[in-house]
N, C-alpha and C. Protein backbone atom coordinates (compact mmCIF):
# COMPACT_ATOMS: atom_id res chain seq x y z
N MET A 1 1.09 -1.13 0.07
CA MET A 1 -0.02 -0.14 -0.01
C MET A 1 0.97 1.33 0.17
N SER A 2 0.66 2.18 -0.91
CA SER A 2 1.37 3.58 -0.88
C SER A 2 0.60 4.69 -0.08
N TYR A 3 1.28 5.23 0.71
CA TYR A 3 0.47 6.36 1.55
C TYR A 3 1.29 7.44 1.31
N PRO A 4 0.29 8.56 1.25
CA PRO A 4 0.87 10.26 1.23
C PRO A 4 1.99 10.35 2.42
N LEU A 5 2.77 11.23 1.97
CA LEU A 5 3.99 11.33 3.20
C LEU A 5 3.72 12.35 4.25
N ASP A 6 2.70 13.16 3.95
CA ASP A 6 2.32 14.24 4.88
C ASP A 6 1.10 13.96 5.76
N ASN A 7 0.75 12.69 5.80
CA ASN A 7 -0.30 12.38 7.03
C ASN A 7 -0.02 10.92 7.48
N SER A 8 -0.36 11.07 8.72
CA SER A 8 -0.45 9.85 9.52
C SER A 8 -1.43 9.94 10.56
N THR A 9 -1.74 8.86 11.32
CA THR A 9 -2.52 9.23 12.65
C THR A 9 -2.01 8.30 13.84
N ILE A 10 -2.07 8.67 14.91
CA ILE A 10 -1.57 8.02 16.12
C ILE A 10 -2.65 7.37 16.63
N LEU A 11 -2.33 6.13 17.02
CA LEU A 11 -3.66 5.45 17.97
C LEU A 11 -2.89 4.87 19.19
N GLU A 12 -3.41 5.52 20.36
CA GLU A 12 -2.87 5.32 21.33
C GLU A 12 -3.81 4.78 22.31
N ALA A 13 -3.04 3.56 23.12
CA ALA A 13 -3.86 3.09 24.19
C ALA A 13 -5.37 2.49 23.79
N LEU A 14 -5.38 1.53 23.22
CA LEU A 14 -6.62 1.15 22.63
C LEU A 14 -6.58 -0.29 22.38
N PRO A 15 -7.62 -1.30 22.13
CA PRO A 15 -7.65 -2.55 21.87
C PRO A 15 -6.88 -2.74 20.60
N GLY A 16 -6.13 -3.97 20.64
CA GLY A 16 -5.66 -4.24 19.55
C GLY A 16 -6.29 -4.38 18.18
N LYS A 17 -7.50 -5.16 18.60
CA LYS A 17 -8.46 -5.57 17.29
C LYS A 17 -8.95 -4.11 16.58
N LEU A 18 -9.32 -2.84 17.52
CA LEU A 18 -9.77 -1.79 17.38
C LEU A 18 -8.50 -1.24 16.50
N GLY A 19 -7.22 -1.12 16.77
CA GLY A 19 -6.50 -0.66 16.05
C GLY A 19 -5.89 -1.09 14.47
N GLU A 20 -6.29 -2.49 14.70
CA GLU A 20 -6.14 -3.00 13.36
C GLU A 20 -7.22 -2.71 12.71
N TYR A 21 -8.54 -2.54 12.93
CA TYR A 21 -9.77 -2.02 12.24
C TYR A 21 -9.67 -0.78 11.64
N ILE A 22 -9.14 0.07 12.54
CA ILE A 22 -8.84 1.59 12.16
C ILE A 22 -7.86 1.83 11.03
N THR A 23 -6.81 0.94 11.36
CA THR A 23 -5.80 0.79 10.01
C THR A 23 -6.24 0.35 8.99
N LYS A 24 -6.93 -0.55 8.92
CA LYS A 24 -7.50 -1.27 7.73
C LYS A 24 -8.54 -0.18 7.00
N LYS A 25 -9.09 0.45 7.75
CA LYS A 25 -10.24 1.75 7.13
C LYS A 25 -9.49 2.83 6.65
N LEU A 26 -8.62 3.43 7.28
CA LEU A 26 -7.62 4.56 6.92
C LEU A 26 -6.95 4.24 5.55
N HIS A 27 -6.80 5.57 5.07
CA HIS A 27 -5.80 5.29 3.91
C HIS A 27 -4.66 6.13 4.08
N VAL A 28 -4.18 6.40 5.52
CA VAL A 28 -2.96 6.82 5.89
C VAL A 28 -2.50 5.92 6.99
N PRO A 29 -1.02 6.13 6.87
CA PRO A 29 -0.20 5.00 7.97
C PRO A 29 -0.89 5.45 9.34
N THR A 30 -0.73 4.13 10.09
CA THR A 30 -1.33 4.51 11.47
C THR A 30 -0.03 4.30 12.33
N ILE A 31 0.26 4.88 13.33
CA ILE A 31 1.46 4.46 14.28
C ILE A 31 0.92 4.23 15.68
N GLY A 32 1.24 3.12 16.30
CA GLY A 32 0.32 2.72 17.37
C GLY A 32 1.28 2.87 18.62
N ILE A 33 0.66 3.65 19.58
CA ILE A 33 1.50 3.75 21.03
C ILE A 33 0.54 3.13 21.77
N GLY A 34 0.49 1.63 21.73
CA GLY A 34 -0.46 1.03 22.69
C GLY A 34 -1.61 0.66 21.54
N GLY A 35 -1.60 0.83 20.44
CA GLY A 35 -2.67 0.40 19.58
C GLY A 35 -2.63 -0.94 18.69
N GLY A 36 -1.52 -1.69 19.43
CA GLY A 36 -1.48 -3.17 18.78
C GLY A 36 -0.92 -3.55 17.80
N ALA A 37 -0.48 -4.66 17.19
CA ALA A 37 0.40 -4.71 16.05
C ALA A 37 -0.06 -4.51 14.79
N GLY A 38 -1.34 -4.40 14.78
CA GLY A 38 -1.90 -4.14 13.40
C GLY A 38 -1.87 -2.90 12.71
N CYS A 39 -1.37 -1.85 13.73
CA CYS A 39 -0.88 -0.50 13.11
C CYS A 39 0.10 -0.64 12.03
N ASP A 40 0.25 0.57 11.36
CA ASP A 40 1.68 0.08 10.26
C ASP A 40 3.06 0.49 11.03
N GLY A 41 3.02 1.13 12.22
CA GLY A 41 3.97 1.25 12.59
C GLY A 41 4.07 1.16 14.23
N GLN A 42 5.05 1.57 14.90
CA GLN A 42 5.01 1.28 16.51
C GLN A 42 6.06 2.49 17.17
N LEU A 43 5.52 2.82 18.25
CA LEU A 43 6.62 4.07 18.92
C LEU A 43 6.33 3.84 20.36
N LEU A 44 7.48 3.65 20.77
CA LEU A 44 7.45 3.73 22.44
C LEU A 44 8.54 5.07 22.72
N VAL A 45 8.05 5.65 24.00
CA VAL A 45 9.08 6.58 24.32
C VAL A 45 10.07 6.20 25.04
N LEU A 46 11.08 7.03 24.94
CA LEU A 46 12.36 6.69 25.66
C LEU A 46 12.26 6.08 27.20
N HIS A 47 11.59 6.72 27.76
CA HIS A 47 11.25 6.47 29.15
C HIS A 47 10.83 4.88 29.51
N ASP A 48 9.97 4.50 28.37
CA ASP A 48 9.06 3.34 28.42
C ASP A 48 10.21 2.40 28.06
N VAL A 49 11.19 2.53 27.11
CA VAL A 49 11.85 1.47 26.68
C VAL A 49 13.21 1.20 27.65
N LEU A 50 13.54 2.37 28.29
CA LEU A 50 14.87 2.28 29.11
C LEU A 50 14.38 1.96 30.59
N GLY A 51 13.01 2.00 30.87
CA GLY A 51 12.50 1.54 32.36
C GLY A 51 12.63 2.61 33.30
N LEU A 52 12.65 3.97 32.71
CA LEU A 52 12.90 4.96 33.86
C LEU A 52 11.49 5.45 34.45
N PHE A 53 10.62 4.65 34.42
CA PHE A 53 9.41 4.70 35.00
C PHE A 53 9.38 3.63 36.24
N GLU A 54 9.43 4.00 37.65
CA GLU A 54 9.20 2.96 38.47
C GLU A 54 7.99 2.56 39.00
N ARG A 55 7.37 3.90 39.08
CA ARG A 55 5.80 3.66 39.69
C ARG A 55 4.63 3.35 38.90
N PHE A 56 5.04 3.39 37.47
CA PHE A 56 3.70 3.03 36.84
C PHE A 56 4.24 2.82 35.35
N THR A 57 3.98 1.71 34.65
CA THR A 57 4.42 1.30 33.59
C THR A 57 3.00 1.54 32.63
N PRO A 58 2.87 1.82 31.29
CA PRO A 58 1.73 1.56 30.61
C PRO A 58 1.64 0.15 30.35
N LYS A 59 0.39 -0.41 30.01
CA LYS A 59 0.32 -1.70 29.78
C LYS A 59 1.10 -1.96 28.26
N PHE A 60 0.92 -0.83 27.38
CA PHE A 60 1.51 -1.20 26.04
C PHE A 60 3.17 -0.83 26.04
N ALA A 61 3.84 -0.62 27.11
CA ALA A 61 5.47 -0.46 27.14
C ALA A 61 6.04 -1.63 27.25
N LYS A 62 6.96 -1.99 27.00
CA LYS A 62 7.90 -3.06 27.11
C LYS A 62 9.34 -2.57 27.63
N GLU A 63 9.73 -2.71 28.92
CA GLU A 63 10.74 -2.59 29.34
C GLU A 63 12.15 -3.33 28.92
N TYR A 64 13.18 -2.76 28.22
CA TYR A 64 14.00 -3.50 27.70
C TYR A 64 15.18 -3.58 28.64
N VAL A 65 15.32 -2.49 29.45
CA VAL A 65 16.35 -2.60 30.60
C VAL A 65 15.91 -1.63 31.93
N ASP A 66 16.31 -1.95 32.83
CA ASP A 66 15.58 -1.31 34.26
C ASP A 66 16.92 -0.33 34.32
N LEU A 67 16.83 0.78 33.55
CA LEU A 67 17.78 1.74 33.78
C LEU A 67 17.68 2.70 34.85
N ALA A 68 16.16 2.82 35.26
CA ALA A 68 16.13 3.39 36.53
C ALA A 68 16.77 2.95 37.90
N GLY A 69 16.74 1.54 37.83
CA GLY A 69 17.27 1.00 38.88
C GLY A 69 18.68 0.90 38.80
N ILE A 70 19.45 0.97 37.48
CA ILE A 70 20.72 1.15 37.46
C ILE A 70 21.26 2.30 37.72
N LEU A 71 20.70 3.31 37.34
CA LEU A 71 20.88 4.68 37.68
C LEU A 71 20.67 4.97 39.44
N ARG A 72 19.82 4.67 39.76
CA ARG A 72 19.89 4.73 41.27
C ARG A 72 20.92 4.21 41.98
N ASP A 73 21.06 2.82 41.69
CA ASP A 73 22.33 2.16 42.29
C ASP A 73 23.58 2.80 42.08
N THR A 74 23.56 3.27 40.62
CA THR A 74 24.94 4.03 40.69
C THR A 74 25.22 5.28 41.38
N PHE A 75 24.03 6.13 41.36
CA PHE A 75 24.25 7.37 42.19
C PHE A 75 24.35 7.00 43.54
N GLU A 76 23.71 6.21 44.21
CA GLU A 76 23.85 5.51 45.57
C GLU A 76 25.40 5.40 45.81
N THR A 77 25.93 4.60 45.17
CA THR A 77 27.35 4.25 45.21
C THR A 77 28.13 5.38 45.09
N TYR A 78 28.07 6.27 44.27
CA TYR A 78 28.70 7.43 43.98
C TYR A 78 28.80 8.25 45.16
N ALA A 79 27.53 8.63 45.86
CA ALA A 79 27.26 9.39 47.09
C ALA A 79 28.11 8.67 48.20
N LYS A 80 28.03 7.49 48.23
CA LYS A 80 28.51 6.70 49.28
C LYS A 80 30.15 6.99 49.51
N GLU A 81 30.63 6.62 48.31
CA GLU A 81 32.06 6.92 47.97
C GLU A 81 32.71 8.50 47.94
N VAL A 82 31.76 9.39 47.91
CA VAL A 82 32.23 10.76 48.19
C VAL A 82 32.12 10.87 49.71
N HIS A 83 31.09 10.69 50.08
CA HIS A 83 30.91 10.63 51.80
C HIS A 83 32.19 10.06 52.53
N ALA A 84 32.49 8.92 51.93
CA ALA A 84 33.50 8.03 52.63
C ALA A 84 34.81 8.35 52.41
N GLY A 85 34.93 9.36 51.52
CA GLY A 85 36.47 10.10 51.05
C GLY A 85 36.88 8.84 50.21
N GLU A 86 36.40 8.06 49.62
CA GLU A 86 36.87 6.98 48.62
C GLU A 86 36.88 7.65 47.19
N PHE A 87 36.28 8.82 46.84
CA PHE A 87 36.17 9.47 45.65
C PHE A 87 36.47 10.70 45.72
N PRO A 88 36.94 11.56 45.16
CA PRO A 88 38.21 11.01 44.00
C PRO A 88 39.46 10.96 44.74
N THR A 89 40.11 9.70 44.01
CA THR A 89 41.52 9.48 44.32
C THR A 89 42.47 10.48 43.63
N GLU A 90 43.83 10.03 43.92
CA GLU A 90 44.63 10.70 42.77
C GLU A 90 44.52 10.25 41.40
N GLU A 91 43.96 9.20 41.16
CA GLU A 91 43.85 8.58 39.99
C GLU A 91 42.85 9.49 39.16
N HIS A 92 42.03 10.31 39.78
CA HIS A 92 41.00 11.36 39.19
C HIS A 92 41.19 12.58 39.33
N VAL A 93 41.94 12.93 39.76
CA VAL A 93 42.63 14.41 39.92
C VAL A 93 43.88 14.88 39.24
N TYR A 94 43.87 16.04 38.59
CA TYR A 94 44.62 16.43 37.83
C TYR A 94 45.82 17.01 38.75
N SER A 95 46.96 16.73 38.23
CA SER A 95 48.32 17.18 38.96
C SER A 95 49.07 18.29 38.61
N THR A 96 49.94 18.87 39.47
CA THR A 96 50.86 20.04 38.93
C THR A 96 51.95 19.84 39.84
N SER A 97 52.95 20.58 39.29
CA SER A 97 54.23 20.36 39.98
C SER A 97 54.42 21.68 41.24
N ASP A 98 55.39 21.20 42.40
CA ASP A 98 55.63 21.85 43.35
C ASP A 98 56.18 23.30 43.29
N GLU A 99 56.80 22.80 41.69
CA GLU A 99 57.23 24.57 41.45
C GLU A 99 56.20 25.46 41.17
N VAL A 100 55.20 24.97 40.28
CA VAL A 100 53.94 25.91 39.83
C VAL A 100 53.14 26.12 41.01
N MET A 101 53.09 25.24 42.00
CA MET A 101 52.36 25.86 43.23
C MET A 101 53.08 26.90 44.25
N SER A 102 54.47 26.63 43.83
CA SER A 102 55.29 27.68 44.69
C SER A 102 54.94 28.99 44.03
N LYS A 103 54.87 29.19 42.92
CA LYS A 103 54.76 30.19 41.92
C LYS A 103 53.29 30.94 42.15
N ILE A 104 52.12 29.85 42.33
CA ILE A 104 50.89 30.48 42.69
C ILE A 104 50.89 30.88 44.02
N GLU A 105 51.57 30.33 45.19
CA GLU A 105 51.44 30.89 46.47
C GLU A 105 52.02 32.12 46.66
N ALA A 106 53.41 32.15 45.76
CA ALA A 106 54.14 33.28 46.18
C ALA A 106 53.19 34.72 45.37
N GLU A 107 52.44 34.32 44.45
CA GLU A 107 51.55 35.43 43.93
C GLU A 107 50.31 35.60 44.77
N PHE A 108 50.00 34.67 45.20
CA PHE A 108 48.42 34.95 45.68
C PHE A 108 48.42 34.75 47.24
N GLY A 109 49.45 34.17 47.58
CA GLY A 109 49.64 33.89 49.29
C GLY A 109 49.21 32.43 49.59
N SER A 110 49.59 32.18 50.60
CA SER A 110 49.43 30.78 51.02
C SER A 110 47.95 30.50 51.40
N ALA A 111 47.32 28.99 51.22
CA ALA A 111 46.30 28.77 51.41
C ALA A 111 45.75 28.58 52.99
């Protein structure tokens, strides 16, 4: 089937049979956001795909990764390391020579 490029319809959160029925009746492409597999195309928002909603996930969304959990764990670990003085270490800090520091202190005074 050939479609005009400037028209389409989004079918969101409706029964799959109805999405398929509407798709067959229309002469423009349908994009399903919970409109069922009978639509011409599918769309999921980034938050649904990455699992960034912890309290509610729409029925039509498929979580491919629990990024919310990964992010939560990551930031908890980061905060714990900062509070414990484990981060940053010398490995994560830029260095300068004693000579440069001496010149800075001579110009601006000791800290």
